[in-house]
């Protein structure tokens, strides 16, 4: 498929006409995979569109291609990019990645301090999430909002989830924590010169190793250790 013929954008009220198509495809896709999802009604999808919390992919001539939406939990502390679905004829074309990136950026824009998480059984989605900075986590690191877990009741694996006290299930939990991606001012200052990505990584590792010795060395301590490490890195 030619992705140049596909538009990925924030959904507008005019896109509500696709709501039934989207929910039908969500359900049929889950049945085909033999996995469960939290079912959503067309009205629920329309509400997300109305709130500006959805991303849609369409062709230039108005054919629906894909969809994803934002949910918030624990008073905005957690955000989930849910309901990712792509029309069968456009799968394995790279559209899912474009949608995920768009909804991820929209989530960061609307909720910059929130932790973004997802539950998925799809390897392709796991790969996309990983590229965006998500990391696999235990269920205990996700929102404990009862409303979120209540959404799993319509999943075919709900009994498994509850039998394990909500500690794990068939889905893999992944989390993006913005605090883990914060770069302190002192780190920015250290890398203010223009260096290559590989050299930046190498210098960062060196800096992290030397930092505690550098602090102590100002007081005249650990100077011998510091000199040994500097020699090791040819600094």
Protein backbone atom coordinates (compact mmCIF):
# COMPACT_ATOMS: atom_id res chain seq x y z
CA UNK A 1 0.00 0.00 0.00
CA UNK A 2 1.13 3.54 -0.73
CA UNK A 3 1.12 5.34 2.63
CA UNK A 4 1.40 8.64 0.76
CA UNK A 5 -2.24 8.15 -0.18
CA UNK A 6 -3.24 7.79 3.49
CA UNK A 7 -3.89 10.68 5.87
CA UNK A 8 -3.27 10.09 9.59
CA UNK A 9 -4.75 12.90 11.70
CA UNK A 10 -6.67 13.78 14.84
CA UNK A 11 -10.28 12.71 14.30
CA UNK A 12 -12.97 15.35 13.88
CA UNK A 13 -16.74 15.18 14.50
CA UNK A 14 -17.26 14.42 10.80
CA UNK A 15 -15.46 11.11 11.38
CA UNK A 16 -18.24 9.79 13.60
CA UNK A 17 -19.69 8.15 10.49
CA UNK A 18 -16.97 5.52 10.80
CA UNK A 19 -17.78 4.56 14.41
CA UNK A 20 -19.81 1.42 13.62
CA UNK A 21 -17.23 0.24 11.08
CA UNK A 22 -14.48 0.72 13.66
CA UNK A 23 -16.19 -1.21 16.48
CA UNK A 24 -17.24 -4.03 14.13
CA UNK A 25 -13.66 -4.41 12.92
CA UNK A 26 -12.35 -4.37 16.51
CA UNK A 27 -14.62 -7.26 17.43
CA UNK A 28 -14.02 -9.37 14.31
CA UNK A 29 -10.27 -8.88 14.58
CA UNK A 30 -10.24 -10.06 18.21
CA UNK A 31 -12.29 -13.13 17.29
CA UNK A 32 -9.94 -13.97 14.42
CA UNK A 33 -6.91 -13.77 16.73
CA UNK A 34 -8.65 -15.77 19.45
CA UNK A 35 -7.84 -13.07 21.98
CA UNK A 36 -10.03 -10.76 23.97
CA UNK A 37 -10.50 -7.00 24.04
CA UNK A 38 -12.60 -4.64 26.08
CA UNK A 39 -15.59 -4.10 23.81
CA UNK A 40 -16.51 -0.54 22.88
CA UNK A 41 -19.77 0.76 21.46
CA UNK A 42 -20.04 3.14 18.49
CA UNK A 43 -21.27 5.77 20.95
CA UNK A 44 -18.12 5.41 23.02
CA UNK A 45 -15.96 5.89 19.93
CA UNK A 46 -18.01 8.96 18.98
CA UNK A 47 -17.45 10.45 22.44
CA UNK A 48 -13.68 10.05 22.05
CA UNK A 49 -13.81 11.74 18.67
CA UNK A 50 -15.89 14.59 20.09
CA UNK A 51 -13.35 15.07 22.91
CA UNK A 52 -10.45 15.31 20.47
CA UNK A 53 -8.91 12.16 21.93
CA UNK A 54 -8.80 10.00 18.82
CA UNK A 55 -6.61 9.54 15.76
CA UNK A 56 -7.94 8.26 12.47
CA UNK A 57 -6.38 7.17 9.19
CA UNK A 58 -8.29 7.61 5.94
CA UNK A 59 -7.49 7.59 2.25
CA UNK A 60 -7.62 10.77 0.19
CA UNK A 61 -11.00 9.67 -1.18
CA UNK A 62 -12.48 9.13 2.30
CA UNK A 63 -12.08 5.38 2.88
CA UNK A 64 -11.50 4.36 6.51
CA UNK A 65 -8.09 2.82 7.16
CA UNK A 66 -7.37 2.79 10.91
CA UNK A 67 -8.14 4.22 14.34
CA UNK A 68 -6.91 4.61 17.94
CA UNK A 69 -8.06 6.64 20.95
CA UNK A 70 -6.91 7.98 24.32
CA UNK A 71 -8.26 6.93 27.70
CA UNK A 72 -7.29 8.52 31.03
CA UNK A 73 -7.20 6.83 34.43
CA UNK A 74 -6.36 7.67 38.06
CA UNK A 75 -7.28 11.34 37.56
CA UNK A 76 -4.98 11.74 34.56
CA UNK A 77 -1.94 10.11 36.15
CA UNK A 78 -2.16 7.30 33.59
CA UNK A 79 -3.02 7.42 29.90
CA UNK A 80 -3.74 4.49 27.60
CA UNK A 81 -3.62 4.51 23.80
CA UNK A 82 -6.41 2.01 23.23
CA UNK A 83 -8.37 0.33 20.51
CA UNK A 84 -5.72 0.36 17.78
CA UNK A 85 -7.31 -1.16 14.71
CA UNK A 86 -6.42 -1.18 11.02
CA UNK A 87 -8.64 -2.30 8.14
CA UNK A 88 -7.56 -5.79 6.93
CA UNK A 89 -6.41 -4.64 3.49
CA UNK A 90 -4.06 -2.06 5.02
CA UNK A 91 -2.38 -4.28 7.60
CA UNK A 92 1.39 -4.85 7.42
CA UNK A 93 1.69 -1.61 5.46
CA UNK A 94 3.16 0.55 8.22
CA UNK A 95 -0.11 2.36 8.90
CA UNK A 96 -0.38 1.01 12.45
CA UNK A 97 3.00 2.53 13.28
CA UNK A 98 1.94 5.91 11.90
CA UNK A 99 -1.26 5.83 13.95
CA UNK A 100 0.56 4.81 17.13
CA UNK A 101 3.10 7.57 16.72
CA UNK A 102 0.36 10.14 16.14
CA UNK A 103 -1.73 9.08 19.14
CA UNK A 104 1.41 8.88 21.30
CA UNK A 105 2.35 12.46 20.40
CA UNK A 106 -1.23 13.60 21.01
CA UNK A 107 -1.14 11.95 24.44
CA UNK A 108 2.16 13.64 25.31
CA UNK A 109 0.70 16.98 24.18
CA UNK A 110 -2.51 16.65 26.20
CA UNK A 111 -1.04 14.90 29.24
CA UNK A 112 2.71 15.67 29.38
CA UNK A 113 3.13 14.37 32.95
CA UNK A 114 1.09 11.19 32.54
CA UNK A 115 2.44 7.66 32.30
CA UNK A 116 1.34 6.08 29.03
CA UNK A 117 0.62 2.37 29.15
CA UNK A 118 -0.86 -0.41 27.11
CA UNK A 119 -1.90 -4.05 27.33
CA UNK A 120 -1.46 -6.07 24.17
CA UNK A 121 -1.01 -9.58 22.81
CA UNK A 122 0.29 -8.37 19.44
CA UNK A 123 4.02 -8.64 18.74
CA UNK A 124 3.81 -5.88 16.12
CA UNK A 125 2.28 -3.47 18.65
CA UNK A 126 4.93 -4.42 21.21
CA UNK A 127 7.64 -3.56 18.68
CA UNK A 128 6.02 -0.20 17.90
CA UNK A 129 5.64 0.58 21.61
CA UNK A 130 9.27 -0.30 22.23
CA UNK A 131 10.38 2.06 19.45
CA UNK A 132 8.37 4.84 21.13
CA UNK A 133 10.12 4.30 24.46
CA UNK A 134 7.73 1.95 26.25
CA UNK A 135 9.17 -0.78 28.47
CA UNK A 136 7.63 -4.08 29.61
CA UNK A 137 6.35 -3.84 33.19
CA UNK A 138 4.38 -5.86 35.71
CA UNK A 139 0.66 -5.26 36.08
CA UNK A 140 1.31 -3.69 39.49
CA UNK A 141 2.95 -0.70 37.73
CA UNK A 142 -0.23 0.07 35.80
CA UNK A 143 -3.18 2.09 37.00
CA UNK A 144 -5.17 0.41 39.76
CA UNK A 145 -8.28 2.35 38.80
CA UNK A 146 -11.18 -0.09 39.12
CA UNK A 147 -12.88 1.46 36.10
CA UNK A 148 -9.97 0.40 33.89
CA UNK A 149 -9.99 -3.22 35.04
CA UNK A 150 -13.78 -3.33 34.78
CA UNK A 151 -13.30 -2.82 31.05
CA UNK A 152 -11.63 -6.24 30.90
CA UNK A 153 -14.87 -8.00 31.87
CA UNK A 154 -15.86 -8.33 28.22
CA UNK A 155 -12.52 -10.01 27.41
CA UNK A 156 -12.52 -13.80 26.92
CA UNK A 157 -9.50 -13.98 29.23
CA UNK A 158 -11.12 -12.14 32.13
CA UNK A 159 -11.38 -15.31 34.26
CA UNK A 160 -7.64 -15.86 33.83
CA UNK A 161 -6.93 -12.29 34.91
CA UNK A 162 -9.03 -12.60 38.04
CA UNK A 163 -7.70 -16.04 38.93
CA UNK A 164 -4.25 -14.46 39.06
CA UNK A 165 -5.44 -11.57 41.25
CA UNK A 166 -4.88 -9.13 38.37
CA UNK A 167 -1.12 -9.70 38.59
CA UNK A 168 -0.80 -11.02 35.02
CA UNK A 169 -2.79 -12.39 32.12
CA UNK A 170 -2.40 -13.14 28.39
CA UNK A 171 -1.55 -9.52 27.57
CA UNK A 172 1.88 -7.94 27.94
CA UNK A 173 1.92 -4.70 29.93
CA UNK A 174 4.09 -1.87 28.59
CA UNK A 175 4.68 1.58 30.07
CA UNK A 176 6.16 4.91 29.01
CA UNK A 177 7.10 7.01 32.03
CA UNK A 178 8.05 10.61 31.07
CA UNK A 179 10.23 10.84 34.18
CA UNK A 180 12.50 8.17 32.72
CA UNK A 181 12.98 10.30 29.61
CA UNK A 182 13.76 13.58 31.35
CA UNK A 183 17.18 15.03 30.59
CA UNK A 184 18.53 17.27 33.40
CA UNK A 185 20.11 20.61 32.52
CA UNK A 186 23.53 19.39 33.63
CA UNK A 187 23.27 16.52 31.16
CA UNK A 188 22.30 18.89 28.34
CA UNK A 189 25.27 21.11 29.20
CA UNK A 190 27.62 18.14 29.06
CA UNK A 191 26.43 17.31 25.54
CA UNK A 192 26.12 20.85 24.17
CA UNK A 193 28.82 20.17 21.55
CA UNK A 194 27.63 18.53 18.36
CA UNK A 195 28.59 14.85 18.50
CA UNK A 196 27.39 11.74 16.71
CA UNK A 197 24.75 9.50 18.25
CA UNK A 198 27.23 6.73 19.00
CA UNK A 199 29.80 9.13 20.44
CA UNK A 200 27.06 10.76 22.52
CA UNK A 201 26.12 7.36 23.97
CA UNK A 202 29.77 6.53 24.72
CA UNK A 203 30.39 9.88 26.41
CA UNK A 204 27.19 9.56 28.40
CA UNK A 205 28.31 6.19 29.75
CA UNK A 206 31.72 7.66 30.63
CA UNK A 207 30.13 10.68 32.27
CA UNK A 208 27.77 8.54 34.36
CA UNK A 209 30.72 6.48 35.56
CA UNK A 210 32.95 9.46 36.32
CA UNK A 211 30.29 11.72 37.83
CA UNK A 212 30.52 10.49 41.48
CA UNK A 213 34.33 10.69 41.41
CA UNK A 214 34.24 14.13 39.80
CA UNK A 215 32.07 15.42 42.65
CA UNK A 216 34.31 13.98 45.32
CA UNK A 217 37.49 15.09 43.57
CA UNK A 218 36.55 18.73 44.05
CA UNK A 219 37.12 18.15 47.76
CA UNK A 220 40.42 16.41 47.13
CA UNK A 221 39.06 12.91 47.59
CA UNK A 222 39.26 9.88 45.28
CA UNK A 223 41.77 11.69 43.05
CA UNK A 224 43.72 8.47 42.56
CA UNK A 225 40.64 6.56 41.45
CA UNK A 226 39.63 9.41 39.16
CA UNK A 227 43.03 9.47 37.46
CA UNK A 228 42.90 5.72 36.95
CA UNK A 229 39.48 5.89 35.30
CA UNK A 230 40.50 8.84 33.15
CA UNK A 231 43.51 6.86 31.97
CA UNK A 232 41.29 3.88 31.20
CA UNK A 233 39.13 6.00 28.89
CA UNK A 234 42.12 7.88 27.47
CA UNK A 235 40.79 11.17 28.84
